[in-house]
Amino acid sequence: MPVRRGRDSNGCYYQWGNQKKYYYECGNEQARKRAKHKAAKQGRAVYSQGYKG
């Protein structure tokens, strides 16, 4: 399951699956990269615990 990017009433975010949304300031490249990294890290953690998809 890939990390996906979105936007809702709270702002821009990255999310892995149905897990937590990592919000960042829209237009801020550094914040966007941090949020994407956190969402990808969350995906790796889920797979390491035996998620089969």
PDB file of N, CA and C in Angstrom:
ATOM      1  N   MET A   1       0.839  -1.157   0.000  1.00  0.00           N
ATOM      2  CA  MET A   1       0.000   0.000   0.000  1.00  0.00           C
ATOM      3  C   MET A   1       0.900   1.241   0.000  1.00  0.00           C
ATOM      4  N   PRO A   2       0.775   2.085  -0.980  1.00  0.00           N
ATOM      5  CA  PRO A   2       1.666   3.247  -1.056  1.00  0.00           C
ATOM      6  C   PRO A   2       1.227   4.390  -0.148  1.00  0.00           C
ATOM      7  N   VAL A   3       2.148   5.291   0.070  1.00  0.00           N
ATOM      8  CA  VAL A   3       1.849   6.532   0.781  1.00  0.00           C
ATOM      9  C   VAL A   3       1.102   7.420  -0.193  1.00  0.00           C
ATOM     10  N   ARG A   4       0.029   8.025   0.291  1.00  0.00           N
ATOM     11  CA  ARG A   4      -0.732   8.907  -0.603  1.00  0.00           C
ATOM     12  C   ARG A   4      -0.796  10.311  -0.039  1.00  0.00           C
ATOM     13  N   ARG A   5      -0.922  11.257  -0.941  1.00  0.00           N
ATOM     14  CA  ARG A   5      -0.981  12.667  -0.561  1.00  0.00           C
ATOM     15  C   ARG A   5      -2.404  13.153  -0.761  1.00  0.00           C
ATOM     16  N   GLY A   6      -2.857  14.024   0.124  1.00  0.00           N
ATOM     17  CA  GLY A   6      -4.211  14.549   0.008  1.00  0.00           C
ATOM     18  C   GLY A   6      -4.358  15.906   0.639  1.00  0.00           C
ATOM     19  N   ARG A   7      -5.583  16.398   0.566  1.00  0.00           N
ATOM     20  CA  ARG A   7      -5.899  17.698   1.143  1.00  0.00           C
ATOM     21  C   ARG A   7      -7.332  17.621   1.659  1.00  0.00           C
ATOM     22  N   ASP A   8      -7.537  18.095   2.882  1.00  0.00           N
ATOM     23  CA  ASP A   8      -8.883  18.149   3.432  1.00  0.00           C
ATOM     24  C   ASP A   8      -9.078  19.502   4.106  1.00  0.00           C
ATOM     25  N   SER A   9     -10.134  19.628   4.909  1.00  0.00           N
ATOM     26  CA  SER A   9     -10.437  20.915   5.540  1.00  0.00           C
ATOM     27  C   SER A   9      -9.357  21.359   6.528  1.00  0.00           C
ATOM     28  N   ASN A  10      -8.525  20.434   6.999  1.00  0.00           N
ATOM     29  CA  ASN A  10      -7.447  20.778   7.928  1.00  0.00           C
ATOM     30  C   ASN A  10      -6.149  21.149   7.231  1.00  0.00           C
ATOM     31  N   GLY A  11      -6.012  20.847   5.953  1.00  0.00           N
ATOM     32  CA  GLY A  11      -4.809  21.190   5.207  1.00  0.00           C
ATOM     33  C   GLY A  11      -4.289  20.031   4.382  1.00  0.00           C
ATOM     34  N   CYS A  12      -3.031  20.099   3.999  1.00  0.00           N
ATOM     35  CA  CYS A  12      -2.384  19.075   3.183  1.00  0.00           C
ATOM     36  C   CYS A  12      -1.824  17.985   4.092  1.00  0.00           C
ATOM     37  N   TYR A  13      -1.808  16.760   3.588  1.00  0.00           N
ATOM     38  CA  TYR A  13      -1.321  15.657   4.409  1.00  0.00           C
ATOM     39  C   TYR A  13      -0.789  14.513   3.552  1.00  0.00           C
ATOM     40  N   TYR A  14      -0.026  13.629   4.204  1.00  0.00           N
ATOM     41  CA  TYR A  14       0.379  12.340   3.661  1.00  0.00           C
ATOM     42  C   TYR A  14      -0.201  11.278   4.586  1.00  0.00           C
ATOM     43  N   GLN A  15      -0.556  10.133   4.006  1.00  0.00           N
ATOM     44  CA  GLN A  15      -1.152   9.069   4.793  1.00  0.00           C
ATOM     45  C   GLN A  15      -0.804   7.727   4.182  1.00  0.00           C
ATOM     46  N   TRP A  16      -0.557   6.750   5.038  1.00  0.00           N
ATOM     47  CA  TRP A  16      -0.327   5.383   4.593  1.00  0.00           C
ATOM     48  C   TRP A  16      -1.569   4.584   4.946  1.00  0.00           C
ATOM     49  N   GLY A  17      -2.255   4.051   3.939  1.00  0.00           N
ATOM     50  CA  GLY A  17      -3.470   3.269   4.177  1.00  0.00           C
ATOM     51  C   GLY A  17      -4.533   4.081   4.889  1.00  0.00           C
ATOM     52  N   ASN A  18      -5.127   3.492   5.935  1.00  0.00           N
ATOM     53  CA  ASN A  18      -6.145   4.185   6.730  1.00  0.00           C
ATOM     54  C   ASN A  18      -5.553   4.726   8.012  1.00  0.00           C
ATOM     55  N   GLN A  19      -4.252   4.746   8.111  1.00  0.00           N
ATOM     56  CA  GLN A  19      -3.571   5.130   9.343  1.00  0.00           C
ATOM     57  C   GLN A  19      -3.615   6.644   9.546  1.00  0.00           C
ATOM     58  N   LYS A  20      -2.865   7.103  10.515  1.00  0.00           N
ATOM     59  CA  LYS A  20      -2.802   8.513  10.886  1.00  0.00           C
ATOM     60  C   LYS A  20      -2.410   9.396   9.703  1.00  0.00           C
ATOM     61  N   LYS A  21      -2.984  10.589   9.645  1.00  0.00           N
ATOM     62  CA  LYS A  21      -2.620  11.571   8.624  1.00  0.00           C
ATOM     63  C   LYS A  21      -1.524  12.466   9.191  1.00  0.00           C
ATOM     64  N   TYR A  22      -0.493  12.698   8.391  1.00  0.00           N
ATOM     65  CA  TYR A  22       0.600  13.584   8.777  1.00  0.00           C
ATOM     66  C   TYR A  22       0.449  14.889   8.015  1.00  0.00           C
ATOM     67  N   TYR A  23      -0.018  15.915   8.719  1.00  0.00           N
ATOM     68  CA  TYR A  23      -0.280  17.211   8.094  1.00  0.00           C
ATOM     69  C   TYR A  23       0.995  18.023   7.953  1.00  0.00           C
ATOM     70  N   TYR A  24       1.014  18.865   6.939  1.00  0.00           N
ATOM     71  CA  TYR A  24       2.129  19.784   6.713  1.00  0.00           C
ATOM     72  C   TYR A  24       1.592  21.064   6.113  1.00  0.00           C
ATOM     73  N   GLU A  25       2.386  22.096   6.190  1.00  0.00           N
ATOM     74  CA  GLU A  25       2.007  23.389   5.638  1.00  0.00           C
ATOM     75  C   GLU A  25       2.086  23.318   4.111  1.00  0.00           C
ATOM     76  N   CYS A  26       0.952  23.532   3.457  1.00  0.00           N
ATOM     77  CA  CYS A  26       0.912  23.474   1.991  1.00  0.00           C
ATOM     78  C   CYS A  26       1.903  24.487   1.412  1.00  0.00           C
ATOM     79  N   GLY A  27       2.693  24.054   0.447  1.00  0.00           N
ATOM     80  CA  GLY A  27       3.664  24.935  -0.188  1.00  0.00           C
ATOM     81  C   GLY A  27       5.038  24.915   0.458  1.00  0.00           C
ATOM     82  N   ASN A  28       5.179  24.246   1.583  1.00  0.00           N
ATOM     83  CA  ASN A  28       6.459  24.180   2.289  1.00  0.00           C
ATOM     84  C   ASN A  28       7.119  22.846   1.942  1.00  0.00           C
ATOM     85  N   GLU A  29       8.135  22.904   1.108  1.00  0.00           N
ATOM     86  CA  GLU A  29       8.807  21.696   0.598  1.00  0.00           C
ATOM     87  C   GLU A  29       9.428  20.847   1.711  1.00  0.00           C
ATOM     88  N   GLN A  30      10.091  21.487   2.665  1.00  0.00           N
ATOM     89  CA  GLN A  30      10.729  20.744   3.758  1.00  0.00           C
ATOM     90  C   GLN A  30       9.691  20.033   4.623  1.00  0.00           C
ATOM     91  N   ALA A  31       8.610  20.726   4.949  1.00  0.00           N
ATOM     92  CA  ALA A  31       7.549  20.125   5.766  1.00  0.00           C
ATOM     93  C   ALA A  31       6.897  18.973   5.012  1.00  0.00           C
ATOM     94  N   ARG A  32       6.729  19.112   3.702  1.00  0.00           N
ATOM     95  CA  ARG A  32       6.136  18.058   2.889  1.00  0.00           C
ATOM     96  C   ARG A  32       7.001  16.812   2.919  1.00  0.00           C
ATOM     97  N   LYS A  33       8.298  16.979   2.798  1.00  0.00           N
ATOM     98  CA  LYS A  33       9.215  15.835   2.822  1.00  0.00           C
ATOM     99  C   LYS A  33       9.196  15.138   4.171  1.00  0.00           C
ATOM    100  N   ARG A  34       9.142  15.923   5.250  1.00  0.00           N
ATOM    101  CA  ARG A  34       9.082  15.324   6.595  1.00  0.00           C
ATOM    102  C   ARG A  34       7.809  14.509   6.776  1.00  0.00           C
ATOM    103  N   ALA A  35       6.684  15.045   6.333  1.00  0.00           N
ATOM    104  CA  ALA A  35       5.407  14.342   6.472  1.00  0.00           C
ATOM    105  C   ALA A  35       5.401  13.061   5.643  1.00  0.00           C
ATOM    106  N   LYS A  36       5.958  13.111   4.445  1.00  0.00           N
ATOM    107  CA  LYS A  36       6.022  11.920   3.593  1.00  0.00           C
ATOM    108  C   LYS A  36       6.908  10.857   4.232  1.00  0.00           C
ATOM    109  N   HIS A  37       8.021  11.281   4.795  1.00  0.00           N
ATOM    110  CA  HIS A  37       8.940  10.356   5.455  1.00  0.00           C
ATOM    111  C   HIS A  37       8.257   9.675   6.647  1.00  0.00           C
ATOM    112  N   LYS A  38       7.517  10.429   7.443  1.00  0.00           N
ATOM    113  CA  LYS A  38       6.830   9.871   8.602  1.00  0.00           C
ATOM    114  C   LYS A  38       5.773   8.858   8.177  1.00  0.00           C
ATOM    115  N   ALA A  39       5.022   9.162   7.121  1.00  0.00           N
ATOM    116  CA  ALA A  39       3.994   8.234   6.646  1.00  0.00           C
ATOM    117  C   ALA A  39       4.632   6.957   6.097  1.00  0.00           C
ATOM    118  N   ALA A  40       5.744   7.074   5.379  1.00  0.00           N
ATOM    119  CA  ALA A  40       6.445   5.893   4.857  1.00  0.00           C
ATOM    120  C   ALA A  40       6.997   5.056   6.001  1.00  0.00           C
ATOM    121  N   LYS A  41       7.504   5.703   7.031  1.00  0.00           N
ATOM    122  CA  LYS A  41       8.027   5.001   8.199  1.00  0.00           C
ATOM    123  C   LYS A  41       6.907   4.228   8.890  1.00  0.00           C
ATOM    124  N   GLN A  42       5.740   4.803   8.950  1.00  0.00           N
ATOM    125  CA  GLN A  42       4.594   4.128   9.538  1.00  0.00           C
ATOM    126  C   GLN A  42       4.247   2.871   8.742  1.00  0.00           C
ATOM    127  N   GLY A  43       4.301   2.948   7.420  1.00  0.00           N
ATOM    128  CA  GLY A  43       4.038   1.784   6.579  1.00  0.00           C
ATOM    129  C   GLY A  43       5.036   0.677   6.818  1.00  0.00           C
ATOM    130  N   ARG A  44       6.300   1.023   6.950  1.00  0.00           N
ATOM    131  CA  ARG A  44       7.332   0.016   7.225  1.00  0.00           C
ATOM    132  C   ARG A  44       7.078  -0.653   8.570  1.00  0.00           C
ATOM    133  N   ALA A  45       6.646   0.117   9.555  1.00  0.00           N
ATOM    134  CA  ALA A  45       6.376  -0.436  10.884  1.00  0.00           C
ATOM    135  C   ALA A  45       5.212  -1.425  10.829  1.00  0.00           C
ATOM    136  N   VAL A  46       4.190  -1.115  10.075  1.00  0.00           N
ATOM    137  CA  VAL A  46       3.039  -2.013   9.959  1.00  0.00           C
ATOM    138  C   VAL A  46       3.452  -3.314   9.301  1.00  0.00           C
ATOM    139  N   TYR A  47       4.230  -3.256   8.233  1.00  0.00           N
ATOM    140  CA  TYR A  47       4.678  -4.470   7.552  1.00  0.00           C
ATOM    141  C   TYR A  47       5.611  -5.289   8.434  1.00  0.00           C
ATOM    142  N   SER A  48       6.398  -4.634   9.258  1.00  0.00           N
ATOM    143  CA  SER A  48       7.335  -5.371  10.115  1.00  0.00           C
ATOM    144  C   SER A  48       6.602  -6.189  11.183  1.00  0.00           C
ATOM    145  N   GLN A  49       5.362  -5.838  11.447  1.00  0.00           N
ATOM    146  CA  GLN A  49       4.583  -6.567  12.448  1.00  0.00           C
ATOM    147  C   GLN A  49       3.712  -7.649  11.824  1.00  0.00           C
ATOM    148  N   GLY A  50       3.926  -7.943  10.538  1.00  0.00           N
ATOM    149  CA  GLY A  50       3.266  -9.076   9.911  1.00  0.00           C
ATOM    150  C   GLY A  50       2.060  -8.750   9.047  1.00  0.00           C
ATOM    151  N   TYR A  51       1.862  -7.515   8.653  1.00  0.00           N
ATOM    152  CA  TYR A  51       0.742  -7.157   7.786  1.00  0.00           C
ATOM    153  C   TYR A  51       0.920  -7.807   6.427  1.00  0.00           C
ATOM    154  N   LYS A  52      -0.103  -8.483   5.922  1.00  0.00           N
ATOM    155  CA  LYS A  52      -0.027  -9.183   4.644  1.00  0.00           C
ATOM    156  C   LYS A  52      -0.759  -8.477   3.510  1.00  0.00           C
ATOM    157  N   GLY A  53      -1.491  -7.422   3.804  1.00  0.00           N
ATOM    158  CA  GLY A  53      -2.172  -6.637   2.799  1.00  0.00           C
ATOM    159  C   GLY A  53      -3.372  -7.268   2.300  1.00  0.00           C
TER     160      GLY A  53
END
